[in-house]
Amino acid sequence: MKLLLIAITATLLHAAPPSPGQNSYEKANALFVAKQFDASLAAVEEALRLDPKLIPALTLQAKLAMAANRFDLANRSLERALSIDPKAPYAQFLYGMTAYMNNEMKEALTRFRRARELAPKDPRVALYLGLSTESVGTPADALALYEEAIRLERAVGHPQADTLLPGARLLLLLGRLEECETWIRQAVKLSPTLRDAHFELARLLLKKGEPAQAAAEAELALTLSAGTAPDPAIHYLLIRAWTQAGQPDRAAIHAAVIRAQER
């Protein structure tokens, strides 16, 4: 017991002191979560004034820049963070995200590959590496990465519908409809109020020649707020689905909505 106490005491004595910018960083992060971006930026700048090498503050500064579509500023913050610690996995992941969000797919691919080396068990990295890989025209490799992202999420007990949907879209594009339906049905089960999942199911059902069922899923998608599927895309799908289902009056309702939105 005495030796254990000595070892613990020695560890505490050699532990790094807390960063002088830590409190300001934590305040900045809480403000960021609350979407008070101006206040968050002021707090993170104070954190970096107190400790210019505080990597979490640099990554938060990058996220604030990304939220404002200032990818040049985000890159500078992340390059500073990676110069301090080239093996910082989250900084490297965000470095990939700046390229991805700026539609620089080849650069994103390079950065996400490095992030994957640093964090091989992070499902986000596998997912975005898959998205970048698909964008440069290698769907088989992309699908393998989507499968890996799903496997990693399930391994920690947190599967996400949003992780299933990119693979489902690719399977639909490849004409692998049964596999696509399996993935989408899992996404719907995980997030029954996610409009994207119901929209993708509607697209699949229309492709399978089931327009009435497709229309029902798309109508449901329109009532849901969570997700990114845009209303016009859903209305266009509903025009096709109701027309193919032999209900042109319902299709006309959605056509009128689109015309009104275009004025």
C-alpha atoms as a PDB file:
ATOM      1  CA  MET A   1       0.000   0.000   0.000  1.00  0.00           C
ATOM      2  CA  LYS A   2       2.841   2.377   0.864  1.00  0.00           C
ATOM      3  CA  LEU A   3       4.451   1.769  -2.545  1.00  0.00           C
ATOM      4  CA  LEU A   4       1.110   2.434  -4.269  1.00  0.00           C
ATOM      5  CA  LEU A   5       0.723   5.760  -2.432  1.00  0.00           C
ATOM      6  CA  ILE A   6       4.254   6.740  -3.406  1.00  0.00           C
ATOM      7  CA  ALA A   7       3.522   5.906  -7.061  1.00  0.00           C
ATOM      8  CA  ILE A   8       0.282   7.934  -7.056  1.00  0.00           C
ATOM      9  CA  THR A   9       2.013  10.889  -5.405  1.00  0.00           C
ATOM     10  CA  ALA A  10       4.810  10.793  -7.972  1.00  0.00           C
ATOM     11  CA  THR A  11       2.295  10.718 -10.829  1.00  0.00           C
ATOM     12  CA  LEU A  12       0.447  13.738  -9.447  1.00  0.00           C
ATOM     13  CA  LEU A  13       3.690  15.642  -8.981  1.00  0.00           C
ATOM     14  CA  HIS A  14       4.645  15.050 -12.618  1.00  0.00           C
ATOM     15  CA  ALA A  15       1.168  15.697 -14.056  1.00  0.00           C
ATOM     16  CA  ALA A  16       0.934  18.685 -16.372  1.00  0.00           C
ATOM     17  CA  PRO A  17      -0.543  21.760 -14.715  1.00  0.00           C
ATOM     18  CA  PRO A  18      -3.947  22.852 -16.028  1.00  0.00           C
ATOM     19  CA  SER A  19      -3.825  25.251 -18.956  1.00  0.00           C
ATOM     20  CA  PRO A  20      -4.370  28.906 -17.994  1.00  0.00           C
ATOM     21  CA  GLY A  21      -6.816  29.080 -20.896  1.00  0.00           C
ATOM     22  CA  GLN A  22      -8.891  26.035 -19.872  1.00  0.00           C
ATOM     23  CA  ASN A  23     -11.678  27.930 -18.111  1.00  0.00           C
ATOM     24  CA  SER A  24     -12.094  30.338 -21.016  1.00  0.00           C
ATOM     25  CA  TYR A  25     -12.120  27.418 -23.452  1.00  0.00           C
ATOM     26  CA  GLU A  26     -14.836  25.609 -21.485  1.00  0.00           C
ATOM     27  CA  LYS A  27     -16.911  28.789 -21.463  1.00  0.00           C
ATOM     28  CA  ALA A  28     -16.379  29.173 -25.207  1.00  0.00           C
ATOM     29  CA  ASN A  29     -17.403  25.575 -25.850  1.00  0.00           C
ATOM     30  CA  ALA A  30     -20.601  25.936 -23.811  1.00  0.00           C
ATOM     31  CA  LEU A  31     -21.462  29.089 -25.758  1.00  0.00           C
ATOM     32  CA  PHE A  32     -20.779  27.273 -29.035  1.00  0.00           C
ATOM     33  CA  VAL A  33     -23.153  24.462 -28.051  1.00  0.00           C
ATOM     34  CA  ALA A  34     -25.746  27.131 -27.234  1.00  0.00           C
ATOM     35  CA  LYS A  35     -25.135  28.642 -30.716  1.00  0.00           C
ATOM     36  CA  GLN A  36     -23.993  31.956 -29.243  1.00  0.00           C
ATOM     37  CA  PHE A  37     -21.212  32.179 -31.774  1.00  0.00           C
ATOM     38  CA  ASP A  38     -20.041  35.765 -31.272  1.00  0.00           C
ATOM     39  CA  ALA A  39     -19.679  35.268 -27.530  1.00  0.00           C
ATOM     40  CA  SER A  40     -18.019  31.913 -28.103  1.00  0.00           C
ATOM     41  CA  LEU A  41     -15.471  33.479 -30.447  1.00  0.00           C
ATOM     42  CA  ALA A  42     -14.593  36.143 -27.880  1.00  0.00           C
ATOM     43  CA  ALA A  43     -14.117  33.492 -25.197  1.00  0.00           C
ATOM     44  CA  VAL A  44     -12.005  31.232 -27.394  1.00  0.00           C
ATOM     45  CA  GLU A  45      -9.786  34.148 -28.382  1.00  0.00           C
ATOM     46  CA  GLU A  46      -9.272  34.847 -24.684  1.00  0.00           C
ATOM     47  CA  ALA A  47      -8.388  31.186 -24.122  1.00  0.00           C
ATOM     48  CA  LEU A  48      -5.781  31.346 -26.892  1.00  0.00           C
ATOM     49  CA  ARG A  49      -4.385  34.606 -25.549  1.00  0.00           C
ATOM     50  CA  LEU A  50      -3.807  32.832 -22.252  1.00  0.00           C
ATOM     51  CA  ASP A  51      -2.496  29.650 -23.906  1.00  0.00           C
ATOM     52  CA  PRO A  52      -1.705  29.858 -27.637  1.00  0.00           C
ATOM     53  CA  LYS A  53      -0.972  26.112 -27.728  1.00  0.00           C
ATOM     54  CA  LEU A  54      -4.307  24.945 -26.311  1.00  0.00           C
ATOM     55  CA  ILE A  55      -5.382  22.512 -29.031  1.00  0.00           C
ATOM     56  CA  PRO A  56      -9.066  22.195 -28.029  1.00  0.00           C
ATOM     57  CA  ALA A  57      -9.335  25.981 -28.275  1.00  0.00           C
ATOM     58  CA  LEU A  58      -7.732  25.942 -31.717  1.00  0.00           C
ATOM     59  CA  THR A  59     -10.154  23.269 -32.936  1.00  0.00           C
ATOM     60  CA  LEU A  60     -13.091  25.240 -31.531  1.00  0.00           C
ATOM     61  CA  GLN A  61     -11.801  28.362 -33.256  1.00  0.00           C
ATOM     62  CA  ALA A  62     -11.757  26.335 -36.486  1.00  0.00           C
ATOM     63  CA  LYS A  63     -15.334  25.133 -35.945  1.00  0.00           C
ATOM     64  CA  LEU A  64     -16.479  28.721 -35.464  1.00  0.00           C
ATOM     65  CA  ALA A  65     -14.758  29.703 -38.701  1.00  0.00           C
ATOM     66  CA  MET A  66     -16.361  26.748 -40.506  1.00  0.00           C
ATOM     67  CA  ALA A  67     -19.789  27.809 -39.220  1.00  0.00           C
ATOM     68  CA  ALA A  68     -19.163  31.165 -40.916  1.00  0.00           C
ATOM     69  CA  ASN A  69     -17.912  29.454 -44.119  1.00  0.00           C
ATOM     70  CA  ARG A  70     -14.426  30.892 -43.519  1.00  0.00           C
ATOM     71  CA  PHE A  71     -12.514  27.778 -44.448  1.00  0.00           C
ATOM     72  CA  ASP A  72      -9.274  29.733 -44.890  1.00  0.00           C
ATOM     73  CA  LEU A  73      -9.391  30.810 -41.239  1.00  0.00           C
ATOM     74  CA  ALA A  74     -10.385  27.318 -40.135  1.00  0.00           C
ATOM     75  CA  ASN A  75      -7.420  25.842 -41.991  1.00  0.00           C
ATOM     76  CA  ARG A  76      -5.041  28.240 -40.270  1.00  0.00           C
ATOM     77  CA  SER A  77      -6.293  27.262 -36.819  1.00  0.00           C
ATOM     78  CA  LEU A  78      -6.090  23.563 -37.611  1.00  0.00           C
ATOM     79  CA  GLU A  79      -2.639  23.846 -39.173  1.00  0.00           C
ATOM     80  CA  ARG A  80      -1.482  25.554 -35.973  1.00  0.00           C
ATOM     81  CA  ALA A  81      -2.999  22.747 -33.910  1.00  0.00           C
ATOM     82  CA  LEU A  82      -1.358  20.071 -36.059  1.00  0.00           C
ATOM     83  CA  SER A  83       1.998  21.836 -35.932  1.00  0.00           C
ATOM     84  CA  ILE A  84       1.781  21.593 -32.128  1.00  0.00           C
ATOM     85  CA  ASP A  85       0.614  17.954 -32.194  1.00  0.00           C
ATOM     86  CA  PRO A  86       0.741  16.224 -35.594  1.00  0.00           C
ATOM     87  CA  LYS A  87      -1.076  13.257 -34.064  1.00  0.00           C
ATOM     88  CA  ALA A  88      -4.116  15.188 -32.807  1.00  0.00           C
ATOM     89  CA  PRO A  89      -6.924  13.063 -34.321  1.00  0.00           C
ATOM     90  CA  TYR A  90      -9.821  15.495 -33.961  1.00  0.00           C
ATOM     91  CA  ALA A  91      -7.837  18.374 -35.434  1.00  0.00           C
ATOM     92  CA  GLN A  92      -6.929  16.156 -38.386  1.00  0.00           C
ATOM     93  CA  PHE A  93     -10.565  15.126 -38.843  1.00  0.00           C
ATOM     94  CA  LEU A  94     -11.688  18.761 -38.883  1.00  0.00           C
ATOM     95  CA  TYR A  95      -8.869  19.523 -41.322  1.00  0.00           C
ATOM     96  CA  GLY A  96     -10.485  16.990 -43.631  1.00  0.00           C
ATOM     97  CA  MET A  97     -13.897  18.549 -43.030  1.00  0.00           C
ATOM     98  CA  THR A  98     -12.718  22.001 -44.145  1.00  0.00           C
ATOM     99  CA  ALA A  99     -11.691  20.551 -47.504  1.00  0.00           C
ATOM    100  CA  TYR A 100     -14.854  18.439 -47.764  1.00  0.00           C
ATOM    101  CA  MET A 101     -17.179  21.363 -46.998  1.00  0.00           C
ATOM    102  CA  ASN A 102     -15.281  23.508 -49.493  1.00  0.00           C
ATOM    103  CA  ASN A 103     -15.772  20.810 -52.170  1.00  0.00           C
ATOM    104  CA  GLU A 104     -12.038  20.064 -52.405  1.00  0.00           C
ATOM    105  CA  MET A 105     -12.560  16.327 -52.552  1.00  0.00           C
ATOM    106  CA  LYS A 106      -9.079  15.131 -53.480  1.00  0.00           C
ATOM    107  CA  GLU A 107      -7.579  17.158 -50.638  1.00  0.00           C
ATOM    108  CA  ALA A 108     -10.316  15.934 -48.302  1.00  0.00           C
ATOM    109  CA  LEU A 109      -9.460  12.359 -49.244  1.00  0.00           C
ATOM    110  CA  THR A 110      -5.804  12.871 -48.313  1.00  0.00           C
ATOM    111  CA  ARG A 111      -6.660  14.507 -45.005  1.00  0.00           C
ATOM    112  CA  PHE A 112      -9.272  11.915 -44.020  1.00  0.00           C
ATOM    113  CA  ARG A 113      -6.848   9.095 -44.810  1.00  0.00           C
ATOM    114  CA  ARG A 114      -4.441  10.639 -42.334  1.00  0.00           C
ATOM    115  CA  ALA A 115      -7.262  11.032 -39.797  1.00  0.00           C
ATOM    116  CA  ARG A 116      -8.086   7.354 -40.242  1.00  0.00           C
ATOM    117  CA  GLU A 117      -4.499   6.427 -39.437  1.00  0.00           C
ATOM    118  CA  LEU A 118      -4.753   8.460 -36.238  1.00  0.00           C
ATOM    119  CA  ALA A 119      -8.262   7.319 -35.240  1.00  0.00           C
ATOM    120  CA  PRO A 120      -9.041   3.953 -36.866  1.00  0.00           C
ATOM    121  CA  LYS A 121     -12.011   3.340 -34.535  1.00  0.00           C
ATOM    122  CA  ASP A 122     -13.767   6.676 -35.129  1.00  0.00           C
ATOM    123  CA  PRO A 123     -16.915   6.057 -37.226  1.00  0.00           C
ATOM    124  CA  ARG A 124     -17.089   9.718 -38.305  1.00  0.00           C
ATOM    125  CA  VAL A 125     -13.707   9.415 -39.974  1.00  0.00           C
ATOM    126  CA  ALA A 126     -14.704   6.214 -41.794  1.00  0.00           C
ATOM    127  CA  LEU A 127     -17.965   7.812 -42.933  1.00  0.00           C
ATOM    128  CA  TYR A 128     -16.410  10.967 -44.346  1.00  0.00           C
ATOM    129  CA  LEU A 129     -13.558   9.059 -45.884  1.00  0.00           C
ATOM    130  CA  GLY A 130     -16.266   7.002 -47.587  1.00  0.00           C
ATOM    131  CA  LEU A 131     -18.088  10.110 -48.806  1.00  0.00           C
ATOM    132  CA  SER A 132     -14.850  11.554 -50.189  1.00  0.00           C
ATOM    133  CA  THR A 133     -13.958   8.225 -51.777  1.00  0.00           C
ATOM    134  CA  GLU A 134     -17.354   8.008 -53.482  1.00  0.00           C
ATOM    135  CA  SER A 135     -16.993  11.559 -54.777  1.00  0.00           C
ATOM    136  CA  VAL A 136     -13.790  10.690 -56.659  1.00  0.00           C
ATOM    137  CA  GLY A 137     -15.435   7.741 -58.397  1.00  0.00           C
ATOM    138  CA  THR A 138     -14.577   4.582 -56.439  1.00  0.00           C
ATOM    139  CA  PRO A 139     -17.970   3.333 -55.181  1.00  0.00           C
ATOM    140  CA  ALA A 140     -16.831  -0.140 -54.105  1.00  0.00           C
ATOM    141  CA  ASP A 141     -14.221   1.308 -51.756  1.00  0.00           C
ATOM    142  CA  ALA A 142     -16.740   3.865 -50.509  1.00  0.00           C
ATOM    143  CA  LEU A 143     -19.305   1.190 -49.696  1.00  0.00           C
ATOM    144  CA  ALA A 144     -16.725  -0.769 -47.708  1.00  0.00           C
ATOM    145  CA  LEU A 145     -16.014   2.372 -45.670  1.00  0.00           C
ATOM    146  CA  TYR A 146     -19.725   2.989 -45.056  1.00  0.00           C
ATOM    147  CA  GLU A 147     -20.012  -0.586 -43.803  1.00  0.00           C
ATOM    148  CA  GLU A 148     -17.020  -0.002 -41.532  1.00  0.00           C
ATOM    149  CA  ALA A 149     -18.543   3.198 -40.125  1.00  0.00           C
ATOM    150  CA  ILE A 150     -21.747   1.332 -39.279  1.00  0.00           C
ATOM    151  CA  ARG A 151     -19.782  -1.534 -37.713  1.00  0.00           C
ATOM    152  CA  LEU A 152     -17.811   0.892 -35.542  1.00  0.00           C
ATOM    153  CA  GLU A 153     -20.970   2.622 -34.329  1.00  0.00           C
ATOM    154  CA  ARG A 154     -22.620  -0.680 -33.485  1.00  0.00           C
ATOM    155  CA  ALA A 155     -19.506  -1.789 -31.627  1.00  0.00           C
ATOM    156  CA  VAL A 156     -19.995   1.043 -29.148  1.00  0.00           C
ATOM    157  CA  GLY A 157     -23.783   0.707 -29.094  1.00  0.00           C
ATOM    158  CA  HIS A 158     -24.609   3.956 -30.902  1.00  0.00           C
ATOM    159  CA  PRO A 159     -25.755   3.221 -34.473  1.00  0.00           C
ATOM    160  CA  GLN A 160     -26.962   6.331 -36.293  1.00  0.00           C
ATOM    161  CA  ALA A 161     -29.490   6.655 -39.108  1.00  0.00           C
ATOM    162  CA  ASP A 162     -27.402   9.381 -40.740  1.00  0.00           C
ATOM    163  CA  THR A 163     -24.524   6.916 -41.056  1.00  0.00           C
ATOM    164  CA  LEU A 164     -26.709   4.355 -42.846  1.00  0.00           C
ATOM    165  CA  LEU A 165     -28.180   6.735 -45.415  1.00  0.00           C
ATOM    166  CA  PRO A 166     -25.077   7.500 -47.554  1.00  0.00           C
ATOM    167  CA  GLY A 167     -24.552   3.781 -48.100  1.00  0.00           C
ATOM    168  CA  ALA A 168     -28.256   3.328 -48.858  1.00  0.00           C
ATOM    169  CA  ARG A 169     -28.099   6.080 -51.493  1.00  0.00           C
ATOM    170  CA  LEU A 170     -25.084   4.448 -53.093  1.00  0.00           C
ATOM    171  CA  LEU A 171     -26.769   1.035 -53.129  1.00  0.00           C
ATOM    172  CA  LEU A 172     -29.796   2.610 -54.827  1.00  0.00           C
ATOM    173  CA  LEU A 173     -27.527   4.207 -57.410  1.00  0.00           C
ATOM    174  CA  LEU A 174     -25.899   0.823 -58.038  1.00  0.00           C
ATOM    175  CA  GLY A 175     -29.281  -0.839 -58.449  1.00  0.00           C
ATOM    176  CA  ARG A 176     -28.839  -3.101 -55.418  1.00  0.00           C
ATOM    177  CA  LEU A 177     -32.384  -2.526 -54.255  1.00  0.00           C
ATOM    178  CA  GLU A 178     -32.778  -5.293 -51.676  1.00  0.00           C
ATOM    179  CA  GLU A 179     -29.633  -4.269 -49.828  1.00  0.00           C
ATOM    180  CA  CYS A 180     -30.659  -0.626 -50.114  1.00  0.00           C
ATOM    181  CA  GLU A 181     -34.016  -1.375 -48.525  1.00  0.00           C
ATOM    182  CA  THR A 182     -32.369  -3.215 -45.633  1.00  0.00           C
ATOM    183  CA  TRP A 183     -30.191  -0.200 -44.863  1.00  0.00           C
ATOM    184  CA  ILE A 184     -33.031   2.308 -45.178  1.00  0.00           C
ATOM    185  CA  ARG A 185     -35.433   0.280 -43.040  1.00  0.00           C
ATOM    186  CA  GLN A 186     -32.759   0.165 -40.346  1.00  0.00           C
ATOM    187  CA  ALA A 187     -32.384   3.944 -40.597  1.00  0.00           C
ATOM    188  CA  VAL A 188     -36.150   4.441 -40.257  1.00  0.00           C
ATOM    189  CA  LYS A 189     -36.211   2.149 -37.233  1.00  0.00           C
ATOM    190  CA  LEU A 190     -33.367   4.068 -35.585  1.00  0.00           C
ATOM    191  CA  SER A 191     -34.814   7.522 -36.337  1.00  0.00           C
ATOM    192  CA  PRO A 192     -38.526   7.285 -37.174  1.00  0.00           C
ATOM    193  CA  THR A 193     -38.878  11.093 -37.172  1.00  0.00           C
ATOM    194  CA  LEU A 194     -35.973  11.767 -39.555  1.00  0.00           C
ATOM    195  CA  ARG A 195     -37.367  13.113 -42.823  1.00  0.00           C
ATOM    196  CA  ASP A 196     -34.289  12.034 -44.789  1.00  0.00           C
ATOM    197  CA  ALA A 197     -34.901   8.370 -43.946  1.00  0.00           C
ATOM    198  CA  HIS A 198     -38.523   8.494 -45.134  1.00  0.00           C
ATOM    199  CA  PHE A 199     -37.544  10.462 -48.246  1.00  0.00           C
ATOM    200  CA  GLU A 200     -34.921   7.871 -49.174  1.00  0.00           C
ATOM    201  CA  LEU A 201     -37.445   5.085 -48.560  1.00  0.00           C
ATOM    202  CA  ALA A 202     -39.874   6.896 -50.880  1.00  0.00           C
ATOM    203  CA  ARG A 203     -37.209   7.102 -53.585  1.00  0.00           C
ATOM    204  CA  LEU A 204     -36.504   3.391 -53.242  1.00  0.00           C
ATOM    205  CA  LEU A 205     -40.193   2.416 -53.358  1.00  0.00           C
ATOM    206  CA  LEU A 206     -40.710   4.507 -56.478  1.00  0.00           C
ATOM    207  CA  LYS A 207     -37.731   2.777 -58.073  1.00  0.00           C
ATOM    208  CA  LYS A 208     -39.273  -0.581 -57.142  1.00  0.00           C
ATOM    209  CA  GLY A 209     -42.542   0.310 -58.875  1.00  0.00           C
ATOM    210  CA  GLU A 210     -44.571   0.924 -55.710  1.00  0.00           C
ATOM    211  CA  PRO A 211     -45.728   4.533 -56.267  1.00  0.00           C
ATOM    212  CA  ALA A 212     -48.579   4.617 -53.739  1.00  0.00           C
ATOM    213  CA  GLN A 213     -46.299   3.435 -50.929  1.00  0.00           C
ATOM    214  CA  ALA A 214     -43.635   5.869 -52.132  1.00  0.00           C
ATOM    215  CA  ALA A 215     -46.123   8.732 -51.969  1.00  0.00           C
ATOM    216  CA  ALA A 216     -47.154   7.781 -48.445  1.00  0.00           C
ATOM    217  CA  GLU A 217     -43.535   7.871 -47.249  1.00  0.00           C
ATOM    218  CA  ALA A 218     -42.859  11.185 -48.989  1.00  0.00           C
ATOM    219  CA  GLU A 219     -46.026  12.748 -47.533  1.00  0.00           C
ATOM    220  CA  LEU A 220     -44.817  11.667 -44.102  1.00  0.00           C
ATOM    221  CA  ALA A 221     -41.374  13.148 -44.791  1.00  0.00           C
ATOM    222  CA  LEU A 222     -42.990  16.526 -45.489  1.00  0.00           C
ATOM    223  CA  THR A 223     -44.492  16.591 -42.004  1.00  0.00           C
ATOM    224  CA  LEU A 224     -41.136  16.022 -40.283  1.00  0.00           C
ATOM    225  CA  SER A 225     -38.689  18.810 -39.445  1.00  0.00           C
ATOM    226  CA  ALA A 226     -35.584  16.846 -38.451  1.00  0.00           C
ATOM    227  CA  GLY A 227     -33.273  16.273 -41.394  1.00  0.00           C
ATOM    228  CA  THR A 228     -31.913  18.010 -44.465  1.00  0.00           C
ATOM    229  CA  ALA A 229     -34.046  16.700 -47.358  1.00  0.00           C
ATOM    230  CA  PRO A 230     -35.409  19.904 -48.972  1.00  0.00           C
ATOM    231  CA  ASP A 231     -39.129  20.443 -49.428  1.00  0.00           C
ATOM    232  CA  PRO A 232     -38.889  21.006 -53.221  1.00  0.00           C
ATOM    233  CA  ALA A 233     -37.194  17.623 -53.722  1.00  0.00           C
ATOM    234  CA  ILE A 234     -39.954  15.921 -51.741  1.00  0.00           C
ATOM    235  CA  HIS A 235     -42.680  17.741 -53.696  1.00  0.00           C
ATOM    236  CA  TYR A 236     -41.084  16.733 -57.029  1.00  0.00           C
ATOM    237  CA  LEU A 237     -40.989  13.113 -55.893  1.00  0.00           C
ATOM    238  CA  LEU A 238     -44.633  13.334 -54.850  1.00  0.00           C
ATOM    239  CA  ILE A 239     -45.636  14.639 -58.273  1.00  0.00           C
ATOM    240  CA  ARG A 240     -44.047  11.581 -59.873  1.00  0.00           C
ATOM    241  CA  ALA A 241     -45.362   9.151 -57.264  1.00  0.00           C
ATOM    242  CA  TRP A 242     -48.989  10.335 -57.331  1.00  0.00           C
ATOM    243  CA  THR A 243     -48.954  10.512 -61.133  1.00  0.00           C
ATOM    244  CA  GLN A 244     -47.691   6.939 -61.395  1.00  0.00           C
ATOM    245  CA  ALA A 245     -50.213   5.874 -58.751  1.00  0.00           C
ATOM    246  CA  GLY A 246     -53.028   7.191 -60.968  1.00  0.00           C
ATOM    247  CA  GLN A 247     -53.925  10.138 -58.751  1.00  0.00           C
ATOM    248  CA  PRO A 248     -53.149  13.227 -60.856  1.00  0.00           C
ATOM    249  CA  ASP A 249     -55.217  15.503 -58.576  1.00  0.00           C
ATOM    250  CA  ARG A 250     -52.829  14.840 -55.697  1.00  0.00           C
ATOM    251  CA  ALA A 251     -49.851  15.353 -58.002  1.00  0.00           C
ATOM    252  CA  ALA A 252     -51.347  18.701 -59.063  1.00  0.00           C
ATOM    253  CA  ILE A 253     -51.446  19.870 -55.431  1.00  0.00           C
ATOM    254  CA  HIS A 254     -47.676  19.468 -55.120  1.00  0.00           C
ATOM    255  CA  ALA A 255     -47.072  21.041 -58.530  1.00  0.00           C
ATOM    256  CA  ALA A 256     -49.025  24.088 -57.353  1.00  0.00           C
ATOM    257  CA  VAL A 257     -46.907  24.300 -54.202  1.00  0.00           C
ATOM    258  CA  ILE A 258     -43.722  24.312 -56.282  1.00  0.00           C
ATOM    259  CA  ARG A 259     -45.073  27.016 -58.616  1.00  0.00           C
ATOM    260  CA  ALA A 260     -46.021  29.176 -55.645  1.00  0.00           C
ATOM    261  CA  GLN A 261     -42.542  28.788 -54.138  1.00  0.00           C
ATOM    262  CA  GLU A 262     -40.862  29.739 -57.426  1.00  0.00           C
ATOM    263  CA  ARG A 263     -42.690  33.085 -57.715  1.00  0.00           C
END
